[in-house]
Amino acid sequence: MSILPGKTIGILGGGQLGRMLTLVAKRLGYQVHIFSPESGTPAGQLADVEFRAPYTDIAALSRFADRVDVVTIEFENIPALALRAVEARVEVYPQPHVLEIAQNRGREKTFLTELGIPVAKYQHVQTEQELSQAIEEVGCPAVLKTAGFGYDGKGQHKLSSPEQVLPAFQALNKAPCTLEQFIELDREISVIAARGANDEFVAYAPVENRHQNHILDITLAPANISSEIATEAVEITRTIMEKLNMRGLLCVEFFITRSGELLVNEMAPRTHNSGHYTIEATECSQFEQQLRAVCGLPLGKTTLYKPAAMANLLGDLWEKGEPNWLDCLAQASVNLHLYGKKAARPGRKMGHLTVLGETTEEAQLLAAKARSALTSI
């Protein structure tokens, strides 16, 4: 059954992804209810109703579920138990089992390996003894990552020698971890795809992602890769979604090694930072695509109008005061998005800008020029 305009969408999470999803939902005539442990969130500022309660408050989740027609998520660090409590009263997409896999690196790596999907060499680690065995299997350099609740480089330590392994494990409070082979990269790409009612599937062309301090800095669309690698990345994404029988939006991040091998790094069952360019650069944005998928509407076209570059705006830009919005907006073809966050902190995503160009190189140069204008005197 389709959830048509005029109905109410419930969103678990109140961050910027929920904010941009809310903007689309309101444009299409839906009501929006947000559930978050905080109030006045980026999404809650625009929603019709903002529920404030912990994700462990089953009674509050039940009241929330009873007032909406379908529920989705805007980030994956939500206890799967919360989704199951909501699912008992209203449809939830992505389904709880998808979240359980995606929010834990151990389960995610195991799932991908069982599917025969290529990933970096890895070992699961829960004890010091397992850690010693893992470093023998994986070797150095390697990366030690907490199994759950890590993003933007949090909960990760790069290890150059075996002597660094135990201190890194201790620094992570000996939490369950995954030790992964460090990959010599050619580049990182991602694919965002949607799967809707009746198994309908669409995917956006792969994009290239460049990071600074483990945080996405800029996305270039389309990625400068061969058609063979692009097709393989989309087909891997389709395989994952079909195996999970998931409905909603999925972003799969890939490593391309210097030898040209394509490896899955991780996946996120939601809209993604690397897909923000779709708002201006494609026929149907990733946010509208998520809404269409969870509501059982026909999925939109993913055609790219022109090459594009998306640049993140971090709190560091506020270090010397309010950014120079006038000079930034005076630049050619700039599309500015701010997330309504009250406090700017180093590394915190405060907004982004997108620029379209005749080539990705031109778009990248224009985006860099517009961002640098924010700190001009």
Protein backbone atom coordinates (compact mmCIF):
# COMPACT_ATOMS: atom_id res chain seq x y z
CA MET A 1 0.00 0.00 0.00
CA SER A 2 1.34 3.44 -0.93
CA ILE A 3 1.63 6.24 1.62
CA LEU A 4 0.37 9.22 -0.35
CA PRO A 5 0.85 12.98 0.15
CA GLY A 6 -1.18 14.24 3.08
CA LYS A 7 -0.06 11.34 5.27
CA THR A 8 2.55 11.58 8.05
CA ILE A 9 6.19 10.48 7.80
CA GLY A 10 8.05 9.57 10.98
CA ILE A 11 11.82 10.05 11.07
CA LEU A 12 14.09 8.58 13.74
CA GLY A 13 16.91 11.08 14.18
CA GLY A 14 17.00 14.86 14.03
CA GLY A 15 20.21 15.71 12.17
CA GLN A 16 20.89 17.40 8.85
CA LEU A 17 19.94 14.35 6.80
CA GLY A 18 16.54 14.40 8.48
CA ARG A 19 16.32 18.14 7.83
CA MET A 20 16.83 17.72 4.09
CA LEU A 21 14.42 14.79 4.02
CA THR A 22 11.86 16.95 5.85
CA LEU A 23 12.22 19.71 3.26
CA VAL A 24 11.38 17.24 0.50
CA ALA A 25 8.48 15.71 2.43
CA LYS A 26 6.93 19.11 3.10
CA ARG A 27 7.28 20.08 -0.57
CA LEU A 28 5.39 16.92 -1.52
CA GLY A 29 2.61 17.63 0.97
CA TYR A 30 3.47 15.24 3.81
CA GLN A 31 3.40 15.92 7.53
CA VAL A 32 6.64 15.11 9.36
CA HIS A 33 7.22 13.92 12.93
CA ILE A 34 10.78 13.71 14.26
CA PHE A 35 11.92 11.48 17.13
CA SER A 36 15.21 12.47 18.77
CA PRO A 37 16.79 12.60 22.25
CA GLU A 38 17.27 16.34 21.73
CA SER A 39 14.96 19.23 20.91
CA GLY A 40 15.45 22.07 18.44
CA THR A 41 17.39 19.73 16.15
CA PRO A 42 18.14 20.60 12.51
CA ALA A 43 15.24 18.39 11.40
CA GLY A 44 13.01 19.28 14.34
CA GLN A 45 13.19 22.99 13.45
CA LEU A 46 11.21 22.23 10.28
CA ALA A 47 9.03 19.31 11.35
CA ASP A 48 5.36 19.49 12.33
CA VAL A 49 6.02 17.61 15.57
CA GLU A 50 9.25 16.89 17.43
CA PHE A 51 9.24 14.05 19.95
CA ARG A 52 12.04 14.32 22.48
CA ALA A 53 12.92 11.07 24.27
CA PRO A 54 15.75 8.52 24.41
CA TYR A 55 15.75 5.79 21.76
CA THR A 56 15.39 3.33 24.63
CA ASP A 57 12.04 4.80 25.74
CA ILE A 58 9.66 2.18 24.34
CA ALA A 59 6.54 3.98 25.59
CA ALA A 60 7.55 7.20 23.80
CA LEU A 61 8.44 5.26 20.65
CA SER A 62 4.98 3.66 20.74
CA ARG A 63 3.25 7.05 21.01
CA PHE A 64 5.38 8.29 18.12
CA ALA A 65 4.56 5.24 15.97
CA ASP A 66 0.84 5.55 16.60
CA ARG A 67 0.79 9.07 15.14
CA VAL A 68 2.57 8.38 11.83
CA ASP A 69 1.89 6.30 8.71
CA VAL A 70 5.41 5.06 8.00
CA VAL A 71 8.81 5.42 9.69
CA THR A 72 12.33 5.79 8.31
CA ILE A 73 15.75 6.72 9.71
CA GLU A 74 18.23 9.49 9.06
CA PHE A 75 21.26 7.86 10.70
CA GLU A 76 22.08 4.30 11.65
CA ASN A 77 23.31 4.65 15.25
CA ILE A 78 19.86 3.88 16.60
CA PRO A 79 19.34 0.72 18.66
CA ALA A 80 17.73 -1.92 16.47
CA LEU A 81 15.49 -2.61 19.46
CA ALA A 82 13.94 0.83 18.91
CA LEU A 83 13.12 -0.01 15.31
CA ARG A 84 11.59 -3.31 16.35
CA ALA A 85 9.39 -1.53 18.89
CA VAL A 86 8.19 0.85 16.18
CA GLU A 87 7.79 -1.95 13.63
CA ALA A 88 5.31 -3.65 15.93
CA ARG A 89 2.94 -0.71 15.32
CA VAL A 90 3.78 0.75 11.89
CA GLU A 91 5.89 -0.10 8.83
CA VAL A 92 9.59 0.80 9.11
CA TYR A 93 12.06 1.16 6.22
CA PRO A 94 14.84 0.19 6.17
CA GLN A 95 13.82 -2.87 8.14
CA PRO A 96 15.43 -3.53 11.56
CA HIS A 97 17.52 -6.47 10.33
CA VAL A 98 19.22 -4.17 7.81
CA LEU A 99 20.16 -1.75 10.57
CA GLU A 100 21.48 -4.56 12.78
CA ILE A 101 23.96 -5.54 10.08
CA ALA A 102 24.97 -2.07 8.91
CA GLN A 103 25.63 -0.59 12.36
CA ASN A 104 28.15 -3.27 13.36
CA ARG A 105 31.36 -3.74 11.35
CA GLY A 106 31.72 -7.32 12.51
CA ARG A 107 28.29 -8.37 11.27
CA GLU A 108 28.70 -6.24 8.15
CA LYS A 109 32.03 -7.83 7.17
CA THR A 110 30.68 -11.31 7.82
CA PHE A 111 27.57 -10.62 5.72
CA LEU A 112 29.63 -9.29 2.80
CA THR A 113 32.11 -12.17 2.97
CA GLU A 114 29.34 -14.76 2.95
CA LEU A 115 27.96 -13.07 -0.18
CA GLY A 116 31.35 -13.37 -1.86
CA ILE A 117 31.73 -9.59 -2.10
CA PRO A 118 35.38 -8.45 -2.02
CA VAL A 119 36.51 -6.63 1.13
CA ALA A 120 39.90 -5.86 2.68
CA LYS A 121 41.46 -8.69 4.66
CA TYR A 122 40.12 -8.55 8.23
CA GLN A 123 39.77 -10.36 11.54
CA HIS A 124 37.25 -9.90 14.35
CA VAL A 125 38.79 -9.05 17.73
CA GLN A 126 37.31 -9.24 21.23
CA THR A 127 40.31 -10.18 23.40
CA GLU A 128 44.03 -9.48 23.56
CA GLN A 129 44.73 -13.05 22.49
CA GLU A 130 42.50 -12.65 19.42
CA LEU A 131 44.26 -9.36 18.71
CA SER A 132 47.66 -11.08 18.63
CA GLN A 133 46.34 -13.72 16.28
CA ALA A 134 44.65 -11.10 14.10
CA ILE A 135 47.81 -9.06 13.56
CA GLU A 136 49.60 -12.23 12.41
CA GLU A 137 46.82 -12.90 9.91
CA VAL A 138 46.24 -9.35 8.66
CA GLY A 139 49.75 -7.91 9.01
CA CYS A 140 50.84 -4.27 9.16
CA PRO A 141 50.02 -1.59 8.29
CA ALA A 142 46.46 -2.14 9.46
CA VAL A 143 43.50 -0.25 10.89
CA LEU A 144 41.82 -1.18 14.18
CA LYS A 145 38.16 -0.13 14.19
CA THR A 146 35.48 -0.47 16.84
CA ALA A 147 32.77 -2.86 15.70
CA GLY A 148 29.95 -0.43 16.33
CA PHE A 149 29.01 3.25 16.43
CA GLY A 150 31.92 4.76 14.52
CA TYR A 151 31.82 7.37 11.75
CA ASP A 152 34.00 10.15 10.32
CA GLY A 153 37.09 8.29 11.53
CA LYS A 154 35.92 8.00 15.13
CA GLY A 155 36.83 4.74 16.85
CA GLN A 156 39.73 4.02 14.47
CA HIS A 157 43.49 3.72 14.84
CA LYS A 158 45.97 3.21 12.02
CA LEU A 159 48.74 0.82 13.05
CA SER A 160 52.17 1.00 11.45
CA SER A 161 53.80 -1.70 13.57
CA PRO A 162 52.70 -4.62 15.79
CA GLU A 163 53.88 -2.69 18.85
CA GLN A 164 51.06 -0.17 18.36
CA VAL A 165 48.32 -2.79 18.39
CA LEU A 166 47.80 -3.31 22.12
CA PRO A 167 47.90 0.42 23.06
CA ALA A 168 45.33 1.10 20.31
CA PHE A 169 43.07 -1.68 21.65
CA GLN A 170 43.37 -0.24 25.14
CA ALA A 171 42.60 3.26 23.84
CA LEU A 172 39.37 1.82 22.42
CA ASN A 173 38.55 0.44 25.90
CA LYS A 174 39.04 -3.10 24.60
CA ALA A 175 35.67 -2.89 22.88
CA PRO A 176 34.87 -5.49 20.19
CA CYS A 177 36.83 -4.45 17.10
CA THR A 178 37.69 -5.36 13.55
CA LEU A 179 41.31 -5.35 12.46
CA GLU A 180 41.50 -4.53 8.75
CA GLN A 181 44.32 -4.51 6.26
CA PHE A 182 45.41 -0.97 5.36
CA ILE A 183 44.69 -0.41 1.68
CA GLU A 184 46.93 1.58 -0.65
CA LEU A 185 44.26 3.57 -2.43
CA ASP A 186 43.85 4.89 -5.91
CA ARG A 187 40.59 6.54 -4.84
CA GLU A 188 37.39 6.11 -2.84
CA ILE A 189 33.97 6.02 -4.47
CA SER A 190 30.42 5.48 -3.36
CA VAL A 191 27.18 4.32 -4.92
CA ILE A 192 23.75 5.40 -3.67
CA ALA A 193 20.80 3.28 -4.72
CA ALA A 194 17.13 2.93 -3.86
CA ARG A 195 14.91 -0.13 -3.71
CA GLY A 196 11.18 0.43 -3.54
CA ALA A 197 7.94 -1.47 -3.63
CA ASN A 198 7.80 -4.47 -5.98
CA ASP A 199 11.63 -4.68 -5.87
CA GLU A 200 12.06 -1.61 -8.11
CA PHE A 201 15.73 -0.56 -8.16
CA VAL A 202 17.54 2.57 -9.29
CA ALA A 203 21.11 3.73 -8.70
CA TYR A 204 23.04 6.96 -9.07
CA ALA A 205 26.32 6.84 -10.99
CA PRO A 206 29.35 6.30 -8.71
CA VAL A 207 30.94 9.44 -7.27
CA GLU A 208 34.46 10.07 -6.02
CA ASN A 209 35.01 11.04 -2.39
CA ARG A 210 38.02 12.88 -1.01
CA HIS A 211 38.60 13.11 2.74
CA GLN A 212 40.47 15.34 5.17
CA ASN A 213 41.13 14.02 8.69
CA HIS A 214 38.77 11.09 7.99
CA ILE A 215 35.86 13.46 7.24
CA LEU A 216 34.43 13.78 3.74
CA ASP A 217 35.79 17.00 2.26
CA ILE A 218 34.57 16.97 -1.33
CA THR A 219 32.51 14.73 -3.62
CA LEU A 220 32.92 14.77 -7.39
CA ALA A 221 30.13 13.54 -9.65
CA PRO A 222 30.61 11.48 -11.70
CA ALA A 223 33.69 9.58 -10.52
CA ASN A 224 36.58 9.40 -12.97
CA ILE A 225 36.59 5.61 -13.26
CA SER A 226 36.18 3.04 -16.01
CA SER A 227 32.72 1.97 -17.12
CA GLU A 228 33.59 -1.58 -16.01
CA ILE A 229 34.30 -0.53 -12.42
CA ALA A 230 31.21 1.71 -12.38
CA THR A 231 29.01 -1.17 -13.51
CA GLU A 232 30.58 -3.56 -11.00
CA ALA A 233 30.01 -1.10 -8.13
CA VAL A 234 26.34 -0.66 -9.03
CA GLU A 235 25.80 -4.41 -9.37
CA ILE A 236 27.42 -5.08 -5.98
CA THR A 237 25.08 -2.50 -4.47
CA ARG A 238 22.10 -4.16 -6.14
CA THR A 239 23.22 -7.59 -4.85
CA ILE A 240 23.48 -6.30 -1.29
CA MET A 241 20.02 -4.73 -1.37
CA GLU A 242 18.43 -7.82 -2.90
CA LYS A 243 20.08 -10.16 -0.41
CA LEU A 244 18.87 -7.99 2.46
CA ASN A 245 15.46 -7.68 0.78
CA MET A 246 15.66 -4.09 1.96
CA ARG A 247 13.45 -1.20 1.05
CA GLY A 248 14.79 2.31 1.23
CA LEU A 249 18.10 3.93 0.36
CA LEU A 250 21.57 2.40 0.64
CA CYS A 251 24.98 3.99 0.24
CA VAL A 252 27.90 1.60 -0.34
CA GLU A 253 31.40 3.01 0.03
CA PHE A 254 34.18 1.39 -1.99
CA PHE A 255 37.97 1.42 -2.08
CA ILE A 256 39.70 1.18 -5.46
CA THR A 257 43.19 -0.14 -4.88
CA ARG A 258 46.24 0.99 -6.83
CA SER A 259 46.07 -2.32 -8.69
CA GLY A 260 42.48 -1.55 -9.76
CA GLU A 261 40.67 -3.91 -7.38
CA LEU A 262 37.24 -2.84 -6.11
CA LEU A 263 36.63 -3.49 -2.40
CA VAL A 264 33.59 -2.65 -0.27
CA ASN A 265 34.54 -0.52 2.73
CA GLU A 266 31.19 -0.07 4.48
CA MET A 267 27.52 0.61 3.88
CA ALA A 268 24.91 2.97 5.29
CA PRO A 269 21.15 2.29 4.88
CA ARG A 270 20.19 5.95 4.60
CA THR A 271 20.91 9.13 2.70
CA HIS A 272 24.60 9.97 2.70
CA ASN A 273 26.92 12.96 2.75
CA SER A 274 28.30 11.93 -0.66
CA GLY A 275 24.82 12.19 -2.15
CA HIS A 276 24.09 15.82 -1.30
CA TYR A 277 25.02 16.89 -4.83
CA THR A 278 21.86 15.14 -6.09
CA ILE A 279 19.68 17.99 -4.80
CA GLU A 280 20.82 20.28 -7.62
CA ALA A 281 22.49 17.91 -10.06
CA THR A 282 19.96 15.11 -10.67
CA GLU A 283 16.32 14.75 -11.62
CA CYS A 284 15.41 13.21 -8.26
CA SER A 285 17.52 13.89 -5.15
CA GLN A 286 18.59 11.14 -2.79
CA PHE A 287 16.18 12.59 -0.20
CA GLU A 288 13.18 12.42 -2.48
CA GLN A 289 14.33 8.96 -3.53
CA GLN A 290 14.29 7.78 0.08
CA LEU A 291 10.82 9.23 0.57
CA ARG A 292 9.54 7.57 -2.59
CA ALA A 293 11.01 4.21 -1.60
CA VAL A 294 9.62 4.10 1.93
CA CYS A 295 6.22 5.41 0.84
CA GLY A 296 5.82 2.92 -2.00
CA LEU A 297 5.84 5.58 -4.72
CA PRO A 298 7.49 5.11 -8.13
CA LEU A 299 11.23 5.73 -7.85
CA GLY A 300 12.65 8.81 -9.53
CA LYS A 301 15.17 9.14 -12.33
CA THR A 302 18.83 9.42 -11.39
CA THR A 303 20.00 11.23 -14.53
CA LEU A 304 22.87 13.66 -13.85
CA TYR A 305 22.19 17.07 -15.39
CA LYS A 306 25.82 18.25 -15.34
CA PRO A 307 29.05 17.31 -13.55
CA ALA A 308 29.03 18.54 -9.95
CA ALA A 309 31.17 19.07 -6.87
CA MET A 310 29.90 19.07 -3.27
CA ALA A 311 32.11 20.60 -0.57
CA ASN A 312 31.45 20.19 3.14
CA LEU A 313 31.43 23.23 5.42
CA LEU A 314 32.87 22.31 8.81
CA GLY A 315 32.81 24.26 12.04
CA ASP A 316 36.47 25.19 11.52
CA LEU A 317 35.27 27.87 9.08
CA TRP A 318 33.77 29.77 12.06
CA GLU A 319 37.09 29.85 13.94
CA LYS A 320 37.66 33.56 13.26
CA GLY A 321 34.02 34.57 13.37
CA GLU A 322 31.04 34.42 11.05
CA PRO A 323 31.99 33.22 7.55
CA ASN A 324 31.88 35.67 4.66
CA TRP A 325 28.55 34.65 3.17
CA LEU A 326 28.38 37.61 0.79
CA ASP A 327 31.60 36.78 -1.05
CA CYS A 328 30.72 33.08 -1.13
CA LEU A 329 27.29 33.69 -2.63
CA ALA A 330 28.79 36.07 -5.17
CA GLN A 331 30.63 33.14 -6.75
CA ALA A 332 29.23 31.56 -9.90
CA SER A 333 26.62 28.80 -9.60
CA VAL A 334 26.95 28.30 -5.84
CA ASN A 335 24.17 26.44 -4.02
CA LEU A 336 24.53 26.92 -0.26
CA HIS A 337 22.93 24.65 2.36
CA LEU A 338 23.19 25.39 6.09
CA TYR A 339 21.89 22.91 8.65
CA GLY A 340 20.60 25.17 11.44
CA LYS A 341 23.12 24.00 14.03
CA LYS A 342 23.55 26.49 16.83
CA ALA A 343 27.19 25.82 17.77
CA ALA A 344 30.10 25.55 15.38
CA ARG A 345 32.86 23.16 16.47
CA PRO A 346 35.97 21.96 14.62
CA GLY A 347 35.08 18.96 12.49
CA ARG A 348 31.33 19.44 12.90
CA LYS A 349 29.35 19.43 9.65
CA MET A 350 27.56 22.79 9.56
CA GLY A 351 26.51 22.81 5.92
CA HIS A 352 27.65 22.18 2.37
CA LEU A 353 27.76 23.85 -0.99
CA THR A 354 27.27 22.38 -4.43
CA VAL A 355 28.49 23.72 -7.75
CA LEU A 356 27.71 22.43 -11.26
CA GLY A 357 30.19 22.75 -14.12
CA GLU A 358 30.88 21.64 -17.66
CA THR A 359 33.40 19.15 -16.22
CA THR A 360 34.06 17.76 -12.75
CA GLU A 361 37.38 19.63 -12.76
CA GLU A 362 35.60 22.94 -13.38
CA ALA A 363 33.00 22.17 -10.71
CA GLN A 364 35.74 21.29 -8.23
CA LEU A 365 37.62 24.55 -8.88
CA LEU A 366 34.43 26.61 -8.51
CA ALA A 367 33.51 24.83 -5.27
CA ALA A 368 36.99 25.37 -3.83
CA LYS A 369 36.87 29.06 -4.80
CA ALA A 370 33.45 29.52 -3.20
CA ARG A 371 34.50 27.79 0.02
CA SER A 372 37.73 29.75 0.29
CA ALA A 373 35.71 32.96 -0.08
CA LEU A 374 34.05 32.15 3.24
CA THR A 375 37.28 32.96 5.08
CA SER A 376 38.35 35.93 2.95
CA ILE A 377 38.72 39.28 4.69
